[in-house]
């Protein structure tokens, strides 16, 4: 499921289905040459992360060594290993955009369904934290590029289709994403990710009664979905079903230790 950020405002909750960006050029590599998507790995836009502290000297030293190996490596398999290793370091440090960039390099040089999925999921993770519009669109494009390769080979991957659908929501054609989510629910009415995201989108558009329907269906089938449980309470509150909202928040309170959600619960209970 796509990770969402919850920001509590004085009037209520602002739901951010936030997204990402990175290098937009896609390399179609039909020969045996190692592909590097940037002229200078050290200056790649994907090397800039806005959501985590600076790398430790040890981590930076390891990354510099791996980048040096990549710049001189002609064997595609070894290059992919170095790229994956670099991505893992960035991923461990919470620099998801940088991690995605290197997973993408590995997938471009040594294509496989597994590498495409790894790269696509990494770009989607980065997309989920981006606060810059241009970067968001670039990351969405990269997510679709890699995940659609996997979907083309396996159309039953509804989990990946849901992620692709969400990348369209902030695009110039958001209805394409909504249509995709509806199609997923037609095929699988209990799809957890699709129900969750359709509920969030209903909230964002102020359709709280519709959001209630989505989240009720979600938590009935997936009671352990804590974010869904919280958003159901918010939807009850915003649709003026205050008794149900109070009951929902009170029942949710002992089920999670997440400080952000606990803050939201207290915020709403004080207003009920």
C-alpha atoms as a PDB file:
ATOM      1  CA  UNK A   1       0.000   0.000   0.000  1.00  0.00           C
ATOM      2  CA  UNK A   2       1.187   3.432  -0.746  1.00  0.00           C
ATOM      3  CA  UNK A   3       2.448   5.232   2.363  1.00  0.00           C
ATOM      4  CA  UNK A   4       0.573   8.496   2.951  1.00  0.00           C
ATOM      5  CA  UNK A   5       1.452  11.386   5.157  1.00  0.00           C
ATOM      6  CA  UNK A   6      -1.089  12.758   7.603  1.00  0.00           C
ATOM      7  CA  UNK A   7      -0.902  16.433   8.523  1.00  0.00           C
ATOM      8  CA  UNK A   8      -3.332  17.689  11.120  1.00  0.00           C
ATOM      9  CA  UNK A   9      -4.636  21.210  10.638  1.00  0.00           C
ATOM     10  CA  UNK A  10      -6.801  23.389  12.862  1.00  0.00           C
ATOM     11  CA  UNK A  11      -9.798  22.772  10.627  1.00  0.00           C
ATOM     12  CA  UNK A  12      -9.227  19.077  10.152  1.00  0.00           C
ATOM     13  CA  UNK A  13      -6.849  16.810   8.324  1.00  0.00           C
ATOM     14  CA  UNK A  14      -5.048  17.612   5.109  1.00  0.00           C
ATOM     15  CA  UNK A  15      -4.428  14.403   3.225  1.00  0.00           C
ATOM     16  CA  UNK A  16      -1.387  14.475   1.021  1.00  0.00           C
ATOM     17  CA  UNK A  17      -1.067  11.706  -1.553  1.00  0.00           C
ATOM     18  CA  UNK A  18       2.414  13.078  -2.108  1.00  0.00           C
ATOM     19  CA  UNK A  19       4.621  12.086  -5.019  1.00  0.00           C
ATOM     20  CA  UNK A  20       8.203  12.372  -6.492  1.00  0.00           C
ATOM     21  CA  UNK A  21      10.778  13.011  -9.230  1.00  0.00           C
ATOM     22  CA  UNK A  22      14.168  12.031 -10.693  1.00  0.00           C
ATOM     23  CA  UNK A  23      15.913  11.948 -14.081  1.00  0.00           C
ATOM     24  CA  UNK A  24      13.241  11.654 -16.756  1.00  0.00           C
ATOM     25  CA  UNK A  25      15.304  10.207 -19.605  1.00  0.00           C
ATOM     26  CA  UNK A  26      14.574   6.560 -20.325  1.00  0.00           C
ATOM     27  CA  UNK A  27      17.364   4.552 -21.864  1.00  0.00           C
ATOM     28  CA  UNK A  28      16.517   1.875 -24.396  1.00  0.00           C
ATOM     29  CA  UNK A  29      19.593  -0.313 -24.366  1.00  0.00           C
ATOM     30  CA  UNK A  30      19.754  -2.927 -27.082  1.00  0.00           C
ATOM     31  CA  UNK A  31      23.509  -3.417 -27.064  1.00  0.00           C
ATOM     32  CA  UNK A  32      26.008  -4.747 -24.559  1.00  0.00           C
ATOM     33  CA  UNK A  33      27.278  -1.392 -23.348  1.00  0.00           C
ATOM     34  CA  UNK A  34      26.849  -0.390 -19.743  1.00  0.00           C
ATOM     35  CA  UNK A  35      24.223   2.341 -19.506  1.00  0.00           C
ATOM     36  CA  UNK A  36      24.581   5.294 -17.176  1.00  0.00           C
ATOM     37  CA  UNK A  37      21.622   7.678 -17.266  1.00  0.00           C
ATOM     38  CA  UNK A  38      23.674  10.702 -16.212  1.00  0.00           C
ATOM     39  CA  UNK A  39      26.958  12.085 -17.477  1.00  0.00           C
ATOM     40  CA  UNK A  40      28.190  12.449 -13.916  1.00  0.00           C
ATOM     41  CA  UNK A  41      26.855  10.087 -11.269  1.00  0.00           C
ATOM     42  CA  UNK A  42      27.912  12.478  -8.542  1.00  0.00           C
ATOM     43  CA  UNK A  43      25.775  15.266  -9.982  1.00  0.00           C
ATOM     44  CA  UNK A  44      22.661  13.223 -10.699  1.00  0.00           C
ATOM     45  CA  UNK A  45      19.404  14.919  -9.641  1.00  0.00           C
ATOM     46  CA  UNK A  46      18.540  11.602  -8.036  1.00  0.00           C
ATOM     47  CA  UNK A  47      21.413  12.051  -5.625  1.00  0.00           C
ATOM     48  CA  UNK A  48      19.583  14.837  -3.810  1.00  0.00           C
ATOM     49  CA  UNK A  49      17.308  13.801  -0.962  1.00  0.00           C
ATOM     50  CA  UNK A  50      15.255  16.358   0.925  1.00  0.00           C
ATOM     51  CA  UNK A  51      13.847  14.046   3.575  1.00  0.00           C
ATOM     52  CA  UNK A  52      16.791  12.560   5.479  1.00  0.00           C
ATOM     53  CA  UNK A  53      19.968  13.705   7.204  1.00  0.00           C
ATOM     54  CA  UNK A  54      23.321  13.754   5.453  1.00  0.00           C
ATOM     55  CA  UNK A  55      25.075  10.455   4.914  1.00  0.00           C
ATOM     56  CA  UNK A  56      27.640   9.353   7.454  1.00  0.00           C
ATOM     57  CA  UNK A  57      31.269   9.604   6.330  1.00  0.00           C
ATOM     58  CA  UNK A  58      31.406   5.806   6.174  1.00  0.00           C
ATOM     59  CA  UNK A  59      28.305   5.560   3.977  1.00  0.00           C
ATOM     60  CA  UNK A  60      29.490   8.384   1.713  1.00  0.00           C
ATOM     61  CA  UNK A  61      32.888   6.731   1.347  1.00  0.00           C
ATOM     62  CA  UNK A  62      31.256   3.440   0.353  1.00  0.00           C
ATOM     63  CA  UNK A  63      29.015   5.180  -2.173  1.00  0.00           C
ATOM     64  CA  UNK A  64      31.947   7.055  -3.681  1.00  0.00           C
ATOM     65  CA  UNK A  65      33.828   3.770  -4.062  1.00  0.00           C
ATOM     66  CA  UNK A  66      30.851   2.031  -5.695  1.00  0.00           C
ATOM     67  CA  UNK A  67      30.300   4.968  -8.070  1.00  0.00           C
ATOM     68  CA  UNK A  68      33.938   4.765  -9.059  1.00  0.00           C
ATOM     69  CA  UNK A  69      33.522   1.063  -9.783  1.00  0.00           C
ATOM     70  CA  UNK A  70      30.459   1.780 -11.932  1.00  0.00           C
ATOM     71  CA  UNK A  71      32.195   4.469 -13.957  1.00  0.00           C
ATOM     72  CA  UNK A  72      34.920   2.055 -15.017  1.00  0.00           C
ATOM     73  CA  UNK A  73      32.937  -1.213 -15.136  1.00  0.00           C
ATOM     74  CA  UNK A  74      32.159  -2.607 -18.594  1.00  0.00           C
ATOM     75  CA  UNK A  75      30.544  -5.849 -17.467  1.00  0.00           C
ATOM     76  CA  UNK A  76      26.786  -5.234 -17.213  1.00  0.00           C
ATOM     77  CA  UNK A  77      26.194  -7.859 -14.538  1.00  0.00           C
ATOM     78  CA  UNK A  78      28.891  -6.430 -12.269  1.00  0.00           C
ATOM     79  CA  UNK A  79      27.662  -2.904 -12.971  1.00  0.00           C
ATOM     80  CA  UNK A  80      24.147  -3.907 -11.855  1.00  0.00           C
ATOM     81  CA  UNK A  81      25.558  -5.394  -8.652  1.00  0.00           C
ATOM     82  CA  UNK A  82      27.388  -2.146  -7.885  1.00  0.00           C
ATOM     83  CA  UNK A  83      24.257  -0.108  -8.667  1.00  0.00           C
ATOM     84  CA  UNK A  84      22.088  -2.304  -6.444  1.00  0.00           C
ATOM     85  CA  UNK A  85      24.606  -2.019  -3.624  1.00  0.00           C
ATOM     86  CA  UNK A  86      24.612   1.775  -3.925  1.00  0.00           C
ATOM     87  CA  UNK A  87      20.817   1.826  -3.944  1.00  0.00           C
ATOM     88  CA  UNK A  88      20.681  -0.278  -0.776  1.00  0.00           C
ATOM     89  CA  UNK A  89      22.856   2.212   1.094  1.00  0.00           C
ATOM     90  CA  UNK A  90      20.673   5.145   0.061  1.00  0.00           C
ATOM     91  CA  UNK A  91      17.526   3.154   0.865  1.00  0.00           C
ATOM     92  CA  UNK A  92      18.822   2.306   4.331  1.00  0.00           C
ATOM     93  CA  UNK A  93      19.460   6.007   4.973  1.00  0.00           C
ATOM     94  CA  UNK A  94      15.975   7.046   3.819  1.00  0.00           C
ATOM     95  CA  UNK A  95      17.168   8.706   0.616  1.00  0.00           C
ATOM     96  CA  UNK A  96      14.507   7.066  -1.528  1.00  0.00           C
ATOM     97  CA  UNK A  97      14.920   9.188  -4.651  1.00  0.00           C
ATOM     98  CA  UNK A  98      18.633   8.389  -4.822  1.00  0.00           C
ATOM     99  CA  UNK A  99      17.962   4.697  -4.167  1.00  0.00           C
ATOM    100  CA  UNK A 100      15.402   4.621  -6.976  1.00  0.00           C
ATOM    101  CA  UNK A 101      17.847   6.207  -9.401  1.00  0.00           C
ATOM    102  CA  UNK A 102      20.414   3.456  -8.873  1.00  0.00           C
ATOM    103  CA  UNK A 103      17.843   0.657  -8.921  1.00  0.00           C
ATOM    104  CA  UNK A 104      16.803   2.106 -12.256  1.00  0.00           C
ATOM    105  CA  UNK A 105      20.385   1.992 -13.525  1.00  0.00           C
ATOM    106  CA  UNK A 106      20.619  -1.661 -12.507  1.00  0.00           C
ATOM    107  CA  UNK A 107      17.355  -2.466 -14.304  1.00  0.00           C
ATOM    108  CA  UNK A 108      18.411  -0.606 -17.450  1.00  0.00           C
ATOM    109  CA  UNK A 109      21.676  -2.512 -17.673  1.00  0.00           C
ATOM    110  CA  UNK A 110      20.460  -5.952 -16.646  1.00  0.00           C
ATOM    111  CA  UNK A 111      16.731  -6.051 -17.451  1.00  0.00           C
ATOM    112  CA  UNK A 112      14.487  -8.583 -15.727  1.00  0.00           C
ATOM    113  CA  UNK A 113      10.982  -8.601 -14.283  1.00  0.00           C
ATOM    114  CA  UNK A 114      12.396  -8.575 -10.771  1.00  0.00           C
ATOM    115  CA  UNK A 115      14.664  -5.601 -11.419  1.00  0.00           C
ATOM    116  CA  UNK A 116      11.886  -3.672 -13.171  1.00  0.00           C
ATOM    117  CA  UNK A 117       9.613  -4.244 -10.199  1.00  0.00           C
ATOM    118  CA  UNK A 118      12.304  -3.275  -7.710  1.00  0.00           C
ATOM    119  CA  UNK A 119      13.037  -0.078  -9.619  1.00  0.00           C
ATOM    120  CA  UNK A 120       9.361   0.754 -10.116  1.00  0.00           C
ATOM    121  CA  UNK A 121       8.553   0.221  -6.447  1.00  0.00           C
ATOM    122  CA  UNK A 122      11.538   2.333  -5.443  1.00  0.00           C
ATOM    123  CA  UNK A 123      10.441   5.211  -7.675  1.00  0.00           C
ATOM    124  CA  UNK A 124       6.911   4.877  -6.285  1.00  0.00           C
ATOM    125  CA  UNK A 125       8.254   5.028  -2.728  1.00  0.00           C
ATOM    126  CA  UNK A 126      10.161   8.173  -3.634  1.00  0.00           C
ATOM    127  CA  UNK A 127       7.074   9.540  -5.405  1.00  0.00           C
ATOM    128  CA  UNK A 128       5.200   9.141  -2.130  1.00  0.00           C
ATOM    129  CA  UNK A 129       7.408  11.686  -0.360  1.00  0.00           C
ATOM    130  CA  UNK A 130       8.099  14.295  -3.014  1.00  0.00           C
ATOM    131  CA  UNK A 131       6.980  17.842  -2.284  1.00  0.00           C
ATOM    132  CA  UNK A 132       8.195  19.350  -5.545  1.00  0.00           C
ATOM    133  CA  UNK A 133       5.771  19.349  -8.490  1.00  0.00           C
ATOM    134  CA  UNK A 134       8.339  18.827 -11.228  1.00  0.00           C
ATOM    135  CA  UNK A 135      10.128  16.130  -9.275  1.00  0.00           C
ATOM    136  CA  UNK A 136       6.808  14.458  -8.549  1.00  0.00           C
ATOM    137  CA  UNK A 137       5.924  14.197 -12.228  1.00  0.00           C
ATOM    138  CA  UNK A 138       9.343  12.836 -13.126  1.00  0.00           C
ATOM    139  CA  UNK A 139       9.123  10.146 -10.453  1.00  0.00           C
ATOM    140  CA  UNK A 140       5.596   9.246 -11.555  1.00  0.00           C
ATOM    141  CA  UNK A 141       6.839   8.791 -15.121  1.00  0.00           C
ATOM    142  CA  UNK A 142       9.662   6.536 -13.956  1.00  0.00           C
ATOM    143  CA  UNK A 143       7.281   4.510 -11.782  1.00  0.00           C
ATOM    144  CA  UNK A 144       4.971   3.872 -14.726  1.00  0.00           C
ATOM    145  CA  UNK A 145       7.857   3.037 -17.055  1.00  0.00           C
ATOM    146  CA  UNK A 146       9.187   0.217 -14.886  1.00  0.00           C
ATOM    147  CA  UNK A 147       5.966  -1.124 -13.346  1.00  0.00           C
ATOM    148  CA  UNK A 148       4.148  -1.235 -16.684  1.00  0.00           C
ATOM    149  CA  UNK A 149       6.860  -3.559 -17.971  1.00  0.00           C
ATOM    150  CA  UNK A 150       5.953  -6.009 -15.221  1.00  0.00           C
ATOM    151  CA  UNK A 151       2.208  -5.520 -15.740  1.00  0.00           C
ATOM    152  CA  UNK A 152       2.531  -6.111 -19.486  1.00  0.00           C
ATOM    153  CA  UNK A 153       3.994  -9.518 -18.728  1.00  0.00           C
ATOM    154  CA  UNK A 154       1.577 -10.236 -15.867  1.00  0.00           C
ATOM    155  CA  UNK A 155      -1.739  -8.341 -16.193  1.00  0.00           C
ATOM    156  CA  UNK A 156      -3.010  -9.871 -12.938  1.00  0.00           C
ATOM    157  CA  UNK A 157      -0.670  -7.741 -10.827  1.00  0.00           C
ATOM    158  CA  UNK A 158      -3.402  -5.510  -9.425  1.00  0.00           C
ATOM    159  CA  UNK A 159      -1.078  -4.325  -6.674  1.00  0.00           C
ATOM    160  CA  UNK A 160       1.190  -2.739  -9.252  1.00  0.00           C
ATOM    161  CA  UNK A 161      -1.748  -1.424 -11.293  1.00  0.00           C
ATOM    162  CA  UNK A 162      -2.926   0.426  -8.177  1.00  0.00           C
ATOM    163  CA  UNK A 163       0.434   2.140  -7.849  1.00  0.00           C
ATOM    164  CA  UNK A 164       0.425   3.128 -11.502  1.00  0.00           C
ATOM    165  CA  UNK A 165      -3.099   4.482 -11.096  1.00  0.00           C
ATOM    166  CA  UNK A 166      -2.031   6.679  -8.192  1.00  0.00           C
ATOM    167  CA  UNK A 167       0.768   8.238 -10.228  1.00  0.00           C
ATOM    168  CA  UNK A 168      -1.859   9.681 -12.577  1.00  0.00           C
ATOM    169  CA  UNK A 169      -3.808  11.419  -9.804  1.00  0.00           C
ATOM    170  CA  UNK A 170      -1.452  14.411  -9.697  1.00  0.00           C
ATOM    171  CA  UNK A 171      -0.974  14.454 -13.460  1.00  0.00           C
ATOM    172  CA  UNK A 172      -2.744  16.475 -16.120  1.00  0.00           C
ATOM    173  CA  UNK A 173      -5.179  13.570 -16.465  1.00  0.00           C
ATOM    174  CA  UNK A 174      -6.218  12.492 -12.941  1.00  0.00           C
ATOM    175  CA  UNK A 175      -9.361  10.771 -14.243  1.00  0.00           C
ATOM    176  CA  UNK A 176      -7.140   8.172 -15.871  1.00  0.00           C
ATOM    177  CA  UNK A 177      -5.974   7.129 -12.425  1.00  0.00           C
ATOM    178  CA  UNK A 178      -9.479   7.122 -10.984  1.00  0.00           C
ATOM    179  CA  UNK A 179     -10.728   5.048 -13.912  1.00  0.00           C
ATOM    180  CA  UNK A 180      -7.956   2.546 -13.326  1.00  0.00           C
ATOM    181  CA  UNK A 181      -8.832   2.236  -9.636  1.00  0.00           C
ATOM    182  CA  UNK A 182     -12.482   1.666 -10.516  1.00  0.00           C
ATOM    183  CA  UNK A 183     -11.484  -1.029 -12.992  1.00  0.00           C
ATOM    184  CA  UNK A 184      -9.395  -2.719 -10.305  1.00  0.00           C
ATOM    185  CA  UNK A 185     -12.372  -2.716  -7.928  1.00  0.00           C
ATOM    186  CA  UNK A 186     -14.594  -4.169 -10.644  1.00  0.00           C
ATOM    187  CA  UNK A 187     -12.147  -7.014 -10.992  1.00  0.00           C
ATOM    188  CA  UNK A 188     -11.475  -7.337  -7.273  1.00  0.00           C
ATOM    189  CA  UNK A 189     -14.121  -5.526  -5.145  1.00  0.00           C
ATOM    190  CA  UNK A 190     -12.142  -6.177  -1.947  1.00  0.00           C
ATOM    191  CA  UNK A 191      -8.790  -4.951  -3.215  1.00  0.00           C
ATOM    192  CA  UNK A 192      -7.189  -3.309  -0.188  1.00  0.00           C
ATOM    193  CA  UNK A 193      -5.032  -0.716  -1.931  1.00  0.00           C
ATOM    194  CA  UNK A 194      -7.750   0.352  -4.364  1.00  0.00           C
ATOM    195  CA  UNK A 195     -10.354   0.726  -1.603  1.00  0.00           C
ATOM    196  CA  UNK A 196      -7.946   2.726   0.519  1.00  0.00           C
ATOM    197  CA  UNK A 197      -6.878   5.068  -2.256  1.00  0.00           C
ATOM    198  CA  UNK A 198     -10.425   5.598  -3.529  1.00  0.00           C
ATOM    199  CA  UNK A 199     -11.405   6.487   0.015  1.00  0.00           C
ATOM    200  CA  UNK A 200      -8.576   8.991   0.301  1.00  0.00           C
ATOM    201  CA  UNK A 201      -9.475  10.522  -3.060  1.00  0.00           C
ATOM    202  CA  UNK A 202     -13.120  10.837  -1.991  1.00  0.00           C
ATOM    203  CA  UNK A 203     -11.986  12.701   1.115  1.00  0.00           C
ATOM    204  CA  UNK A 204      -9.743  15.009  -0.877  1.00  0.00           C
ATOM    205  CA  UNK A 205     -12.680  15.935  -3.116  1.00  0.00           C
ATOM    206  CA  UNK A 206     -14.994  16.471  -0.128  1.00  0.00           C
ATOM    207  CA  UNK A 207     -17.174  13.433  -0.892  1.00  0.00           C
ATOM    208  CA  UNK A 208     -17.194  12.202   2.701  1.00  0.00           C
ATOM    209  CA  UNK A 209     -20.265   9.986   2.442  1.00  0.00           C
ATOM    210  CA  UNK A 210     -18.622   8.169  -0.447  1.00  0.00           C
ATOM    211  CA  UNK A 211     -15.419   7.985   1.583  1.00  0.00           C
ATOM    212  CA  UNK A 212     -17.368   6.383   4.434  1.00  0.00           C
ATOM    213  CA  UNK A 213     -18.548   3.651   2.060  1.00  0.00           C
ATOM    214  CA  UNK A 214     -15.021   2.961   0.855  1.00  0.00           C
ATOM    215  CA  UNK A 215     -13.452   2.892   4.312  1.00  0.00           C
ATOM    216  CA  UNK A 216     -16.244   0.836   5.849  1.00  0.00           C
ATOM    217  CA  UNK A 217     -15.695  -1.764   3.136  1.00  0.00           C
ATOM    218  CA  UNK A 218     -11.949  -1.545   3.724  1.00  0.00           C
ATOM    219  CA  UNK A 219     -11.954  -2.037   7.492  1.00  0.00           C
ATOM    220  CA  UNK A 220     -14.603  -4.761   7.300  1.00  0.00           C
ATOM    221  CA  UNK A 221     -12.242  -6.814   5.181  1.00  0.00           C
ATOM    222  CA  UNK A 222      -8.955  -5.499   6.588  1.00  0.00           C
ATOM    223  CA  UNK A 223      -9.480  -4.505  10.242  1.00  0.00           C
ATOM    224  CA  UNK A 224      -5.724  -4.215  10.711  1.00  0.00           C
ATOM    225  CA  UNK A 225      -5.502  -1.302   8.282  1.00  0.00           C
ATOM    226  CA  UNK A 226      -4.930   1.412  10.875  1.00  0.00           C
ATOM    227  CA  UNK A 227      -4.799   4.330   8.442  1.00  0.00           C
ATOM    228  CA  UNK A 228      -8.093   3.155   6.974  1.00  0.00           C
ATOM    229  CA  UNK A 229      -9.582   2.945  10.468  1.00  0.00           C
ATOM    230  CA  UNK A 230      -8.463   6.501  11.165  1.00  0.00           C
ATOM    231  CA  UNK A 231      -9.760   7.884   7.883  1.00  0.00           C
ATOM    232  CA  UNK A 232     -13.098   6.193   8.514  1.00  0.00           C
ATOM    233  CA  UNK A 233     -13.357   8.184  11.727  1.00  0.00           C
ATOM    234  CA  UNK A 234     -12.457  11.380   9.887  1.00  0.00           C
ATOM    235  CA  UNK A 235     -15.052  10.630   7.212  1.00  0.00           C
ATOM    236  CA  UNK A 236     -17.726  10.054   9.849  1.00  0.00           C
ATOM    237  CA  UNK A 237     -16.785  13.364  11.472  1.00  0.00           C
ATOM    238  CA  UNK A 238     -16.775  15.350   8.241  1.00  0.00           C
ATOM    239  CA  UNK A 239     -20.101  13.842   7.149  1.00  0.00           C
ATOM    240  CA  UNK A 240     -21.642  14.929  10.465  1.00  0.00           C
ATOM    241  CA  UNK A 241     -21.976  11.401  11.848  1.00  0.00           C
ATOM    242  CA  UNK A 242     -20.505  12.469  15.187  1.00  0.00           C
ATOM    243  CA  UNK A 243     -21.645   9.505  17.280  1.00  0.00           C
ATOM    244  CA  UNK A 244     -20.073   7.056  14.849  1.00  0.00           C
ATOM    245  CA  UNK A 245     -16.949   9.200  14.657  1.00  0.00           C
ATOM    246  CA  UNK A 246     -16.502   9.203  18.449  1.00  0.00           C
ATOM    247  CA  UNK A 247     -16.994   5.457  18.649  1.00  0.00           C
ATOM    248  CA  UNK A 248     -14.551   4.895  15.794  1.00  0.00           C
ATOM    249  CA  UNK A 249     -11.812   7.059  17.296  1.00  0.00           C
ATOM    250  CA  UNK A 250     -12.220   5.595  20.781  1.00  0.00           C
ATOM    251  CA  UNK A 251     -12.036   2.042  19.478  1.00  0.00           C
ATOM    252  CA  UNK A 252      -8.984   2.875  17.377  1.00  0.00           C
ATOM    253  CA  UNK A 253      -7.019   4.559  20.165  1.00  0.00           C
ATOM    254  CA  UNK A 254      -5.755   1.360  21.875  1.00  0.00           C
ATOM    255  CA  UNK A 255      -4.912  -0.293  18.546  1.00  0.00           C
ATOM    256  CA  UNK A 256      -1.975   1.904  17.529  1.00  0.00           C
ATOM    257  CA  UNK A 257       1.101   3.542  19.008  1.00  0.00           C
ATOM    258  CA  UNK A 258       1.650   5.771  15.979  1.00  0.00           C
ATOM    259  CA  UNK A 259       2.127   9.260  17.492  1.00  0.00           C
ATOM    260  CA  UNK A 260       0.773  11.014  14.405  1.00  0.00           C
ATOM    261  CA  UNK A 261      -2.441   9.027  14.424  1.00  0.00           C
ATOM    262  CA  UNK A 262      -2.767   9.374  18.199  1.00  0.00           C
ATOM    263  CA  UNK A 263      -2.455  13.142  17.815  1.00  0.00           C
ATOM    264  CA  UNK A 264      -5.172  13.084  15.170  1.00  0.00           C
ATOM    265  CA  UNK A 265      -7.455  10.996  17.363  1.00  0.00           C
ATOM    266  CA  UNK A 266      -7.065  13.426  20.278  1.00  0.00           C
ATOM    267  CA  UNK A 267      -7.625  16.358  17.934  1.00  0.00           C
ATOM    268  CA  UNK A 268     -10.964  14.971  16.791  1.00  0.00           C
ATOM    269  CA  UNK A 269     -12.143  13.690  20.165  1.00  0.00           C
ATOM    270  CA  UNK A 270     -11.635  17.177  21.624  1.00  0.00           C
ATOM    271  CA  UNK A 271     -13.977  18.522  18.954  1.00  0.00           C
ATOM    272  CA  UNK A 272     -16.697  15.932  19.482  1.00  0.00           C
END
